[in-house]
Amino acid sequence: MSRKAWVLFAVVQLFGELGPWAGLRMKSAIGPALWFAGIVVMMPGRMLALWLEQVFWGVRLTPIQMTAVFVVVEVAANVCFWLLCARCWRFLRRRRAIPVRSEP
């Protein structure tokens, strides 16, 4: 992926992590929108992290340690998802760029 795509990924991940936190603390109408947008943006990794949280429920981790594990798993899964999407996008763009020759 290009440098621009990595910067965009970092911005989206930052928004996805901070959006729900800020959205719950805002009393205006934008609060629920921030919360919802942050949840949706982080969805691929969040699903895996929520499952992993259930697996670690019996393990003696403090809430801060559990949050750290949650964020690391979430971002790592989202990296894999973004790379897969970038590869599919590149494949589709190259496929459309190939001219089709008609035979006489």
PDB file of N, CA and C in Angstrom:
ATOM      1  N   MET A   1       0.841  -1.174   0.000  1.00  0.00           N
ATOM      2  CA  MET A   1       0.000   0.000   0.000  1.00  0.00           C
ATOM      3  C   MET A   1       0.885   1.237   0.000  1.00  0.00           C
ATOM      4  N   SER A   2       0.346   2.305  -0.511  1.00  0.00           N
ATOM      5  CA  SER A   2       1.098   3.549  -0.595  1.00  0.00           C
ATOM      6  C   SER A   2       1.153   4.238   0.768  1.00  0.00           C
ATOM      7  N   ARG A   3       2.002   5.220   0.846  1.00  0.00           N
ATOM      8  CA  ARG A   3       2.134   5.987   2.095  1.00  0.00           C
ATOM      9  C   ARG A   3       0.821   6.692   2.428  1.00  0.00           C
ATOM     10  N   LYS A   4       0.151   7.197   1.398  1.00  0.00           N
ATOM     11  CA  LYS A   4      -1.117   7.884   1.605  1.00  0.00           C
ATOM     12  C   LYS A   4      -2.162   6.924   2.183  1.00  0.00           C
ATOM     13  N   ALA A   5      -2.161   5.686   1.713  1.00  0.00           N
ATOM     14  CA  ALA A   5      -3.111   4.694   2.213  1.00  0.00           C
ATOM     15  C   ALA A   5      -2.819   4.340   3.672  1.00  0.00           C
ATOM     16  N   TRP A   6      -1.543   4.265   4.049  1.00  0.00           N
ATOM     17  CA  TRP A   6      -1.193   3.976   5.446  1.00  0.00           C
ATOM     18  C   TRP A   6      -1.590   5.126   6.365  1.00  0.00           C
ATOM     19  N   VAL A   7      -1.419   6.360   5.891  1.00  0.00           N
ATOM     20  CA  VAL A   7      -1.833   7.517   6.698  1.00  0.00           C
ATOM     21  C   VAL A   7      -3.349   7.492   6.880  1.00  0.00           C
ATOM     22  N   LEU A   8      -4.078   7.191   5.800  1.00  0.00           N
ATOM     23  CA  LEU A   8      -5.528   7.091   5.892  1.00  0.00           C
ATOM     24  C   LEU A   8      -5.927   5.983   6.860  1.00  0.00           C
ATOM     25  N   PHE A   9      -5.245   4.852   6.808  1.00  0.00           N
ATOM     26  CA  PHE A   9      -5.523   3.761   7.735  1.00  0.00           C
ATOM     27  C   PHE A   9      -5.325   4.215   9.180  1.00  0.00           C
ATOM     28  N   ALA A  10      -4.223   4.910   9.447  1.00  0.00           N
ATOM     29  CA  ALA A  10      -3.942   5.375  10.807  1.00  0.00           C
ATOM     30  C   ALA A  10      -5.014   6.352  11.288  1.00  0.00           C
ATOM     31  N   VAL A  11      -5.449   7.244  10.422  1.00  0.00           N
ATOM     32  CA  VAL A  11      -6.483   8.218  10.800  1.00  0.00           C
ATOM     33  C   VAL A  11      -7.801   7.502  11.088  1.00  0.00           C
ATOM     34  N   VAL A  12      -8.161   6.545  10.258  1.00  0.00           N
ATOM     35  CA  VAL A  12      -9.405   5.798  10.464  1.00  0.00           C
ATOM     36  C   VAL A  12      -9.343   5.006  11.768  1.00  0.00           C
ATOM     37  N   GLN A  13      -8.211   4.393  12.050  1.00  0.00           N
ATOM     38  CA  GLN A  13      -8.078   3.623  13.284  1.00  0.00           C
ATOM     39  C   GLN A  13      -8.151   4.536  14.508  1.00  0.00           C
ATOM     40  N   LEU A  14      -7.510   5.687  14.425  1.00  0.00           N
ATOM     41  CA  LEU A  14      -7.561   6.637  15.535  1.00  0.00           C
ATOM     42  C   LEU A  14      -8.988   7.107  15.762  1.00  0.00           C
ATOM     43  N   PHE A  15      -9.692   7.437  14.679  1.00  0.00           N
ATOM     44  CA  PHE A  15     -11.090   7.846  14.799  1.00  0.00           C
ATOM     45  C   PHE A  15     -11.928   6.700  15.358  1.00  0.00           C
ATOM     46  N   GLY A  16     -11.674   5.493  14.894  1.00  0.00           N
ATOM     47  CA  GLY A  16     -12.436   4.341  15.362  1.00  0.00           C
ATOM     48  C   GLY A  16     -12.232   4.048  16.830  1.00  0.00           C
ATOM     49  N   GLU A  17     -11.043   4.329  17.346  1.00  0.00           N
ATOM     50  CA  GLU A  17     -10.782   4.100  18.768  1.00  0.00           C
ATOM     51  C   GLU A  17     -11.313   5.233  19.638  1.00  0.00           C
ATOM     52  N   LEU A  18     -11.146   6.471  19.173  1.00  0.00           N
ATOM     53  CA  LEU A  18     -11.549   7.621  19.986  1.00  0.00           C
ATOM     54  C   LEU A  18     -13.003   8.032  19.789  1.00  0.00           C
ATOM     55  N   GLY A  19     -13.596   7.699  18.628  1.00  0.00           N
ATOM     56  CA  GLY A  19     -14.973   8.094  18.344  1.00  0.00           C
ATOM     57  C   GLY A  19     -15.981   7.580  19.360  1.00  0.00           C
ATOM     58  N   PRO A  20     -15.995   6.284  19.646  1.00  0.00           N
ATOM     59  CA  PRO A  20     -16.949   5.784  20.642  1.00  0.00           C
ATOM     60  C   PRO A  20     -16.707   6.356  22.043  1.00  0.00           C
ATOM     61  N   TRP A  21     -15.459   6.525  22.399  1.00  0.00           N
ATOM     62  CA  TRP A  21     -15.150   7.081  23.715  1.00  0.00           C
ATOM     63  C   TRP A  21     -15.661   8.519  23.823  1.00  0.00           C
ATOM     64  N   ALA A  22     -15.380   9.338  22.805  1.00  0.00           N
ATOM     65  CA  ALA A  22     -15.826  10.731  22.824  1.00  0.00           C
ATOM     66  C   ALA A  22     -17.332  10.824  22.648  1.00  0.00           C
ATOM     67  N   GLY A  23     -17.899   9.944  21.821  1.00  0.00           N
ATOM     68  CA  GLY A  23     -19.333   9.985  21.579  1.00  0.00           C
ATOM     69  C   GLY A  23     -20.162   9.737  22.819  1.00  0.00           C
ATOM     70  N   LEU A  24     -19.683   8.881  23.701  1.00  0.00           N
ATOM     71  CA  LEU A  24     -20.417   8.610  24.939  1.00  0.00           C
ATOM     72  C   LEU A  24     -20.364   9.777  25.911  1.00  0.00           C
ATOM     73  N   ARG A  25     -19.361  10.608  25.804  1.00  0.00           N
ATOM     74  CA  ARG A  25     -19.192  11.721  26.728  1.00  0.00           C
ATOM     75  C   ARG A  25     -19.795  13.032  26.222  1.00  0.00           C
ATOM     76  N   MET A  26     -20.185  13.073  24.953  1.00  0.00           N
ATOM     77  CA  MET A  26     -20.777  14.288  24.388  1.00  0.00           C
ATOM     78  C   MET A  26     -22.278  14.294  24.636  1.00  0.00           C
ATOM     79  N   LYS A  27     -22.785  15.420  25.052  1.00  0.00           N
ATOM     80  CA  LYS A  27     -24.220  15.540  25.331  1.00  0.00           C
ATOM     81  C   LYS A  27     -24.987  16.108  24.139  1.00  0.00           C
ATOM     82  N   SER A  28     -24.293  16.477  23.073  1.00  0.00           N
ATOM     83  CA  SER A  28     -24.966  17.033  21.897  1.00  0.00           C
ATOM     84  C   SER A  28     -25.443  15.912  20.985  1.00  0.00           C
ATOM     85  N   ALA A  29     -26.078  16.298  19.883  1.00  0.00           N
ATOM     86  CA  ALA A  29     -26.611  15.313  18.943  1.00  0.00           C
ATOM     87  C   ALA A  29     -25.508  14.572  18.192  1.00  0.00           C
ATOM     88  N   ILE A  30     -24.311  15.138  18.125  1.00  0.00           N
ATOM     89  CA  ILE A  30     -23.221  14.484  17.403  1.00  0.00           C
ATOM     90  C   ILE A  30     -22.616  13.326  18.198  1.00  0.00           C
ATOM     91  N   GLY A  31     -22.847  13.269  19.488  1.00  0.00           N
ATOM     92  CA  GLY A  31     -22.295  12.203  20.322  1.00  0.00           C
ATOM     93  C   GLY A  31     -22.678  10.807  19.863  1.00  0.00           C
ATOM     94  N   PRO A  32     -23.983  10.517  19.718  1.00  0.00           N
ATOM     95  CA  PRO A  32     -24.359   9.179  19.235  1.00  0.00           C
ATOM     96  C   PRO A  32     -23.839   8.885  17.828  1.00  0.00           C
ATOM     97  N   ALA A  33     -23.756   9.905  16.983  1.00  0.00           N
ATOM     98  CA  ALA A  33     -23.236   9.702  15.629  1.00  0.00           C
ATOM     99  C   ALA A  33     -21.756   9.319  15.669  1.00  0.00           C
ATOM    100  N   LEU A  34     -20.975   9.980  16.523  1.00  0.00           N
ATOM    101  CA  LEU A  34     -19.561   9.625  16.682  1.00  0.00           C
ATOM    102  C   LEU A  34     -19.415   8.206  17.219  1.00  0.00           C
ATOM    103  N   TRP A  35     -20.233   7.865  18.184  1.00  0.00           N
ATOM    104  CA  TRP A  35     -20.167   6.525  18.756  1.00  0.00           C
ATOM    105  C   TRP A  35     -20.457   5.475  17.684  1.00  0.00           C
ATOM    106  N   PHE A  36     -21.540   5.655  16.933  1.00  0.00           N
ATOM    107  CA  PHE A  36     -21.932   4.700  15.903  1.00  0.00           C
ATOM    108  C   PHE A  36     -20.885   4.600  14.792  1.00  0.00           C
ATOM    109  N   ALA A  37     -20.386   5.753  14.335  1.00  0.00           N
ATOM    110  CA  ALA A  37     -19.385   5.754  13.258  1.00  0.00           C
ATOM    111  C   ALA A  37     -18.106   5.049  13.706  1.00  0.00           C
ATOM    112  N   GLY A  38     -17.679   5.282  14.928  1.00  0.00           N
ATOM    113  CA  GLY A  38     -16.480   4.618  15.437  1.00  0.00           C
ATOM    114  C   GLY A  38     -16.642   3.116  15.527  1.00  0.00           C
ATOM    115  N   ILE A  39     -17.819   2.667  15.931  1.00  0.00           N
ATOM    116  CA  ILE A  39     -18.088   1.233  16.014  1.00  0.00           C
ATOM    117  C   ILE A  39     -18.067   0.607  14.616  1.00  0.00           C
ATOM    118  N   VAL A  40     -18.703   1.255  13.652  1.00  0.00           N
ATOM    119  CA  VAL A  40     -18.785   0.717  12.293  1.00  0.00           C
ATOM    120  C   VAL A  40     -17.414   0.676  11.627  1.00  0.00           C
ATOM    121  N   VAL A  41     -16.611   1.732  11.811  1.00  0.00           N
ATOM    122  CA  VAL A  41     -15.289   1.805  11.186  1.00  0.00           C
ATOM    123  C   VAL A  41     -14.382   0.679  11.672  1.00  0.00           C
ATOM    124  N   MET A  42     -14.506   0.304  12.914  1.00  0.00           N
ATOM    125  CA  MET A  42     -13.626  -0.711  13.493  1.00  0.00           C
ATOM    126  C   MET A  42     -14.229  -2.120  13.456  1.00  0.00           C
ATOM    127  N   MET A  43     -15.325  -2.307  12.735  1.00  0.00           N
ATOM    128  CA  MET A  43     -16.086  -3.549  12.803  1.00  0.00           C
ATOM    129  C   MET A  43     -15.291  -4.831  12.545  1.00  0.00           C
ATOM    130  N   PRO A  44     -14.475  -4.944  11.496  1.00  0.00           N
ATOM    131  CA  PRO A  44     -13.802  -6.238  11.293  1.00  0.00           C
ATOM    132  C   PRO A  44     -12.962  -6.666  12.499  1.00  0.00           C
ATOM    133  N   GLY A  45     -12.155  -5.766  13.008  1.00  0.00           N
ATOM    134  CA  GLY A  45     -11.313  -6.095  14.149  1.00  0.00           C
ATOM    135  C   GLY A  45     -12.080  -6.176  15.449  1.00  0.00           C
ATOM    136  N   ARG A  46     -13.134  -5.388  15.565  1.00  0.00           N
ATOM    137  CA  ARG A  46     -13.911  -5.365  16.799  1.00  0.00           C
ATOM    138  C   ARG A  46     -14.615  -6.696  17.021  1.00  0.00           C
ATOM    139  N   MET A  47     -15.091  -7.319  15.950  1.00  0.00           N
ATOM    140  CA  MET A  47     -15.770  -8.611  16.094  1.00  0.00           C
ATOM    141  C   MET A  47     -14.811  -9.661  16.659  1.00  0.00           C
ATOM    142  N   LEU A  48     -13.595  -9.703  16.121  1.00  0.00           N
ATOM    143  CA  LEU A  48     -12.595 -10.652  16.616  1.00  0.00           C
ATOM    144  C   LEU A  48     -12.193 -10.317  18.056  1.00  0.00           C
ATOM    145  N   ALA A  49     -12.022  -9.045  18.352  1.00  0.00           N
ATOM    146  CA  ALA A  49     -11.616  -8.646  19.702  1.00  0.00           C
ATOM    147  C   ALA A  49     -12.709  -8.955  20.726  1.00  0.00           C
ATOM    148  N   LEU A  50     -13.971  -8.777  20.344  1.00  0.00           N
ATOM    149  CA  LEU A  50     -15.060  -9.108  21.265  1.00  0.00           C
ATOM    150  C   LEU A  50     -15.107 -10.615  21.541  1.00  0.00           C
ATOM    151  N   TRP A  51     -14.864 -11.412  20.508  1.00  0.00           N
ATOM    152  CA  TRP A  51     -14.812 -12.859  20.710  1.00  0.00           C
ATOM    153  C   TRP A  51     -13.647 -13.212  21.637  1.00  0.00           C
ATOM    154  N   LEU A  52     -12.493 -12.589  21.407  1.00  0.00           N
ATOM    155  CA  LEU A  52     -11.321 -12.862  22.231  1.00  0.00           C
ATOM    156  C   LEU A  52     -11.539 -12.420  23.673  1.00  0.00           C
ATOM    157  N   GLU A  53     -12.304 -11.357  23.853  1.00  0.00           N
ATOM    158  CA  GLU A  53     -12.619 -10.900  25.208  1.00  0.00           C
ATOM    159  C   GLU A  53     -13.402 -11.969  25.964  1.00  0.00           C
ATOM    160  N   GLN A  54     -14.306 -12.648  25.273  1.00  0.00           N
ATOM    161  CA  GLN A  54     -15.058 -13.739  25.907  1.00  0.00           C
ATOM    162  C   GLN A  54     -14.133 -14.900  26.272  1.00  0.00           C
ATOM    163  N   VAL A  55     -13.145 -15.162  25.414  1.00  0.00           N
ATOM    164  CA  VAL A  55     -12.184 -16.228  25.694  1.00  0.00           C
ATOM    165  C   VAL A  55     -11.344 -15.887  26.922  1.00  0.00           C
ATOM    166  N   PHE A  56     -10.948 -14.613  27.038  1.00  0.00           N
ATOM    167  CA  PHE A  56     -10.108 -14.179  28.155  1.00  0.00           C
ATOM    168  C   PHE A  56     -10.900 -13.818  29.405  1.00  0.00           C
ATOM    169  N   TRP A  57     -12.188 -14.053  29.425  1.00  0.00           N
ATOM    170  CA  TRP A  57     -13.001 -13.623  30.554  1.00  0.00           C
ATOM    171  C   TRP A  57     -12.554 -14.270  31.865  1.00  0.00           C
ATOM    172  N   GLY A  58     -12.120 -15.516  31.830  1.00  0.00           N
ATOM    173  CA  GLY A  58     -11.694 -16.202  33.047  1.00  0.00           C
ATOM    174  C   GLY A  58     -10.256 -15.907  33.439  1.00  0.00           C
ATOM    175  N   VAL A  59      -9.495 -15.269  32.557  1.00  0.00           N
ATOM    176  CA  VAL A  59      -8.100 -14.948  32.840  1.00  0.00           C
ATOM    177  C   VAL A  59      -8.052 -13.700  33.722  1.00  0.00           C
ATOM    178  N   ARG A  60      -7.134 -13.693  34.639  1.00  0.00           N
ATOM    179  CA  ARG A  60      -7.049 -12.557  35.563  1.00  0.00           C
ATOM    180  C   ARG A  60      -6.255 -11.410  34.948  1.00  0.00           C
ATOM    181  N   LEU A  61      -6.948 -10.619  34.138  1.00  0.00           N
ATOM    182  CA  LEU A  61      -6.350  -9.412  33.567  1.00  0.00           C
ATOM    183  C   LEU A  61      -7.074  -8.200  34.134  1.00  0.00           C
ATOM    184  N   THR A  62      -6.330  -7.159  34.381  1.00  0.00           N
ATOM    185  CA  THR A  62      -6.958  -5.925  34.835  1.00  0.00           C
ATOM    186  C   THR A  62      -7.708  -5.297  33.661  1.00  0.00           C
ATOM    187  N   PRO A  63      -8.645  -4.403  33.917  1.00  0.00           N
ATOM    188  CA  PRO A  63      -9.354  -3.750  32.811  1.00  0.00           C
ATOM    189  C   PRO A  63      -8.422  -3.007  31.847  1.00  0.00           C
ATOM    190  N   ILE A  64      -7.355  -2.424  32.350  1.00  0.00           N
ATOM    191  CA  ILE A  64      -6.412  -1.713  31.476  1.00  0.00           C
ATOM    192  C   ILE A  64      -5.670  -2.710  30.587  1.00  0.00           C
ATOM    193  N   GLN A  65      -5.251  -3.833  31.153  1.00  0.00           N
ATOM    194  CA  GLN A  65      -4.585  -4.863  30.351  1.00  0.00           C
ATOM    195  C   GLN A  65      -5.536  -5.442  29.300  1.00  0.00           C
ATOM    196  N   MET A  66      -6.796  -5.650  29.674  1.00  0.00           N
ATOM    197  CA  MET A  66      -7.776  -6.170  28.729  1.00  0.00           C
ATOM    198  C   MET A  66      -8.028  -5.178  27.604  1.00  0.00           C
ATOM    199  N   THR A  67      -8.072  -3.897  27.925  1.00  0.00           N
ATOM    200  CA  THR A  67      -8.243  -2.871  26.895  1.00  0.00           C
ATOM    201  C   THR A  67      -7.055  -2.855  25.950  1.00  0.00           C
ATOM    202  N   ALA A  68      -5.856  -3.005  26.488  1.00  0.00           N
ATOM    203  CA  ALA A  68      -4.661  -3.031  25.638  1.00  0.00           C
ATOM    204  C   ALA A  68      -4.694  -4.223  24.692  1.00  0.00           C
ATOM    205  N   VAL A  69      -5.057  -5.395  25.198  1.00  0.00           N
ATOM    206  CA  VAL A  69      -5.166  -6.585  24.348  1.00  0.00           C
ATOM    207  C   VAL A  69      -6.246  -6.372  23.292  1.00  0.00           C
ATOM    208  N   PHE A  70      -7.373  -5.799  23.700  1.00  0.00           N
ATOM    209  CA  PHE A  70      -8.495  -5.537  22.798  1.00  0.00           C
ATOM    210  C   PHE A  70      -8.065  -4.639  21.643  1.00  0.00           C
ATOM    211  N   VAL A  71      -7.363  -3.544  21.955  1.00  0.00           N
ATOM    212  CA  VAL A  71      -6.938  -2.593  20.920  1.00  0.00           C
ATOM    213  C   VAL A  71      -5.913  -3.226  19.982  1.00  0.00           C
ATOM    214  N   VAL A  72      -4.960  -3.948  20.529  1.00  0.00           N
ATOM    215  CA  VAL A  72      -3.930  -4.582  19.688  1.00  0.00           C
ATOM    216  C   VAL A  72      -4.560  -5.590  18.732  1.00  0.00           C
ATOM    217  N   VAL A  73      -5.450  -6.437  19.230  1.00  0.00           N
ATOM    218  CA  VAL A  73      -6.107  -7.434  18.379  1.00  0.00           C
ATOM    219  C   VAL A  73      -6.982  -6.743  17.333  1.00  0.00           C
ATOM    220  N   GLU A  74      -7.690  -5.722  17.762  1.00  0.00           N
ATOM    221  CA  GLU A  74      -8.581  -4.994  16.864  1.00  0.00           C
ATOM    222  C   GLU A  74      -7.822  -4.353  15.703  1.00  0.00           C
ATOM    223  N   VAL A  75      -6.748  -3.660  16.012  1.00  0.00           N
ATOM    224  CA  VAL A  75      -5.966  -2.985  14.969  1.00  0.00           C
ATOM    225  C   VAL A  75      -5.254  -4.006  14.077  1.00  0.00           C
ATOM    226  N   ALA A  76      -4.742  -5.082  14.657  1.00  0.00           N
ATOM    227  CA  ALA A  76      -4.078  -6.110  13.845  1.00  0.00           C
ATOM    228  C   ALA A  76      -5.059  -6.762  12.864  1.00  0.00           C
ATOM    229  N   ALA A  77      -6.253  -7.059  13.315  1.00  0.00           N
ATOM    230  CA  ALA A  77      -7.260  -7.637  12.415  1.00  0.00           C
ATOM    231  C   ALA A  77      -7.658  -6.632  11.337  1.00  0.00           C
ATOM    232  N   ASN A  78      -7.744  -5.367  11.696  1.00  0.00           N
ATOM    233  CA  ASN A  78      -8.087  -4.350  10.699  1.00  0.00           C
ATOM    234  C   ASN A  78      -6.971  -4.156   9.677  1.00  0.00           C
ATOM    235  N   VAL A  79      -5.720  -4.307  10.087  1.00  0.00           N
ATOM    236  CA  VAL A  79      -4.612  -4.245   9.120  1.00  0.00           C
ATOM    237  C   VAL A  79      -4.774  -5.360   8.090  1.00  0.00           C
ATOM    238  N   CYS A  80      -5.044  -6.558   8.561  1.00  0.00           N
ATOM    239  CA  CYS A  80      -5.241  -7.683   7.630  1.00  0.00           C
ATOM    240  C   CYS A  80      -6.408  -7.411   6.692  1.00  0.00           C
ATOM    241  N   PHE A  81      -7.492  -6.882   7.221  1.00  0.00           N
ATOM    242  CA  PHE A  81      -8.661  -6.579   6.401  1.00  0.00           C
ATOM    243  C   PHE A  81      -8.345  -5.501   5.362  1.00  0.00           C
ATOM    244  N   TRP A  82      -7.648  -4.440   5.770  1.00  0.00           N
ATOM    245  CA  TRP A  82      -7.289  -3.367   4.839  1.00  0.00           C
ATOM    246  C   TRP A  82      -6.348  -3.872   3.751  1.00  0.00           C
ATOM    247  N   LEU A  83      -5.381  -4.697   4.117  1.00  0.00           N
ATOM    248  CA  LEU A  83      -4.468  -5.241   3.109  1.00  0.00           C
ATOM    249  C   LEU A  83      -5.205  -6.134   2.125  1.00  0.00           C
ATOM    250  N   LEU A  84      -6.149  -6.924   2.617  1.00  0.00           N
ATOM    251  CA  LEU A  84      -6.951  -7.756   1.728  1.00  0.00           C
ATOM    252  C   LEU A  84      -7.783  -6.890   0.774  1.00  0.00           C
ATOM    253  N   CYS A  85      -8.391  -5.838   1.307  1.00  0.00           N
ATOM    254  CA  CYS A  85      -9.180  -4.935   0.463  1.00  0.00           C
ATOM    255  C   CYS A  85      -8.291  -4.227  -0.560  1.00  0.00           C
ATOM    256  N   ALA A  86      -7.098  -3.817  -0.157  1.00  0.00           N
ATOM    257  CA  ALA A  86      -6.179  -3.149  -1.092  1.00  0.00           C
ATOM    258  C   ALA A  86      -5.758  -4.099  -2.203  1.00  0.00           C
ATOM    259  N   ARG A  87      -5.507  -5.346  -1.865  1.00  0.00           N
ATOM    260  CA  ARG A  87      -5.116  -6.322  -2.879  1.00  0.00           C
ATOM    261  C   ARG A  87      -6.273  -6.591  -3.852  1.00  0.00           C
ATOM    262  N   CYS A  88      -7.475  -6.711  -3.335  1.00  0.00           N
ATOM    263  CA  CYS A  88      -8.648  -6.911  -4.207  1.00  0.00           C
ATOM    264  C   CYS A  88      -8.870  -5.695  -5.102  1.00  0.00           C
ATOM    265  N   TRP A  89      -8.728  -4.504  -4.541  1.00  0.00           N
ATOM    266  CA  TRP A  89      -8.894  -3.271  -5.323  1.00  0.00           C
ATOM    267  C   TRP A  89      -7.866  -3.208  -6.454  1.00  0.00           C
ATOM    268  N   ARG A  90      -6.614  -3.520  -6.142  1.00  0.00           N
ATOM    269  CA  ARG A  90      -5.560  -3.515  -7.154  1.00  0.00           C
ATOM    270  C   ARG A  90      -5.833  -4.565  -8.234  1.00  0.00           C
ATOM    271  N   PHE A  91      -6.281  -5.726  -7.835  1.00  0.00           N
ATOM    272  CA  PHE A  91      -6.604  -6.785  -8.790  1.00  0.00           C
ATOM    273  C   PHE A  91      -7.724  -6.353  -9.732  1.00  0.00           C
ATOM    274  N   LEU A  92      -8.772  -5.761  -9.167  1.00  0.00           N
ATOM    275  CA  LEU A  92      -9.898  -5.328 -10.000  1.00  0.00           C
ATOM    276  C   LEU A  92      -9.509  -4.189 -10.937  1.00  0.00           C
ATOM    277  N   ARG A  93      -8.675  -3.281 -10.472  1.00  0.00           N
ATOM    278  CA  ARG A  93      -8.239  -2.171 -11.338  1.00  0.00           C
ATOM    279  C   ARG A  93      -7.366  -2.681 -12.471  1.00  0.00           C
ATOM    280  N   ARG A  94      -6.492  -3.624 -12.202  1.00  0.00           N
ATOM    281  CA  ARG A  94      -5.642  -4.181 -13.257  1.00  0.00           C
ATOM    282  C   ARG A  94      -6.461  -4.992 -14.242  1.00  0.00           C
ATOM    283  N   ARG A  95      -7.443  -5.678 -13.753  1.00  0.00           N
ATOM    284  CA  ARG A  95      -8.279  -6.496 -14.626  1.00  0.00           C
ATOM    285  C   ARG A  95      -9.079  -5.633 -15.588  1.00  0.00           C
ATOM    286  N   ARG A  96      -9.563  -4.500 -15.120  1.00  0.00           N
ATOM    287  CA  ARG A  96     -10.325  -3.597 -15.982  1.00  0.00           C
ATOM    288  C   ARG A  96      -9.425  -2.866 -16.962  1.00  0.00           C
ATOM    289  N   ALA A  97      -8.145  -2.734 -16.643  1.00  0.00           N
ATOM    290  CA  ALA A  97      -7.222  -2.005 -17.502  1.00  0.00           C
ATOM    291  C   ALA A  97      -6.754  -2.832 -18.694  1.00  0.00           C
ATOM    292  N   ILE A  98      -6.918  -4.141 -18.635  1.00  0.00           N
ATOM    293  CA  ILE A  98      -6.478  -5.010 -19.735  1.00  0.00           C
ATOM    294  C   ILE A  98      -7.468  -4.866 -20.892  1.00  0.00           C
ATOM    295  N   PRO A  99      -6.983  -4.432 -22.062  1.00  0.00           N
ATOM    296  CA  PRO A  99      -7.908  -4.310 -23.183  1.00  0.00           C
ATOM    297  C   PRO A  99      -8.311  -5.674 -23.734  1.00  0.00           C
ATOM    298  N   VAL A 100      -9.516  -5.762 -24.172  1.00  0.00           N
ATOM    299  CA  VAL A 100     -10.028  -7.008 -24.741  1.00  0.00           C
ATOM    300  C   VAL A 100      -9.859  -6.942 -26.247  1.00  0.00           C
ATOM    301  N   ARG A 101      -9.151  -7.926 -26.775  1.00  0.00           N
ATOM    302  CA  ARG A 101      -8.938  -7.971 -28.227  1.00  0.00           C
ATOM    303  C   ARG A 101     -10.022  -8.821 -28.876  1.00  0.00           C
ATOM    304  N   SER A 102     -10.546  -8.304 -29.934  1.00  0.00           N
ATOM    305  CA  SER A 102     -11.520  -9.103 -30.688  1.00  0.00           C
ATOM    306  C   SER A 102     -10.785  -9.793 -31.836  1.00  0.00           C
ATOM    307  N   GLU A 103     -11.144 -11.016 -32.079  1.00  0.00           N
ATOM    308  CA  GLU A 103     -10.489 -11.772 -33.141  1.00  0.00           C
ATOM    309  C   GLU A 103     -11.224 -11.538 -34.464  1.00  0.00           C
ATOM    310  N   PRO A 104     -10.474 -11.394 -35.590  1.00  0.00           N
ATOM    311  CA  PRO A 104     -11.118 -11.151 -36.892  1.00  0.00           C
ATOM    312  C   PRO A 104     -11.792 -12.385 -37.448  1.00  0.00           C
TER     313      PRO A 104
END
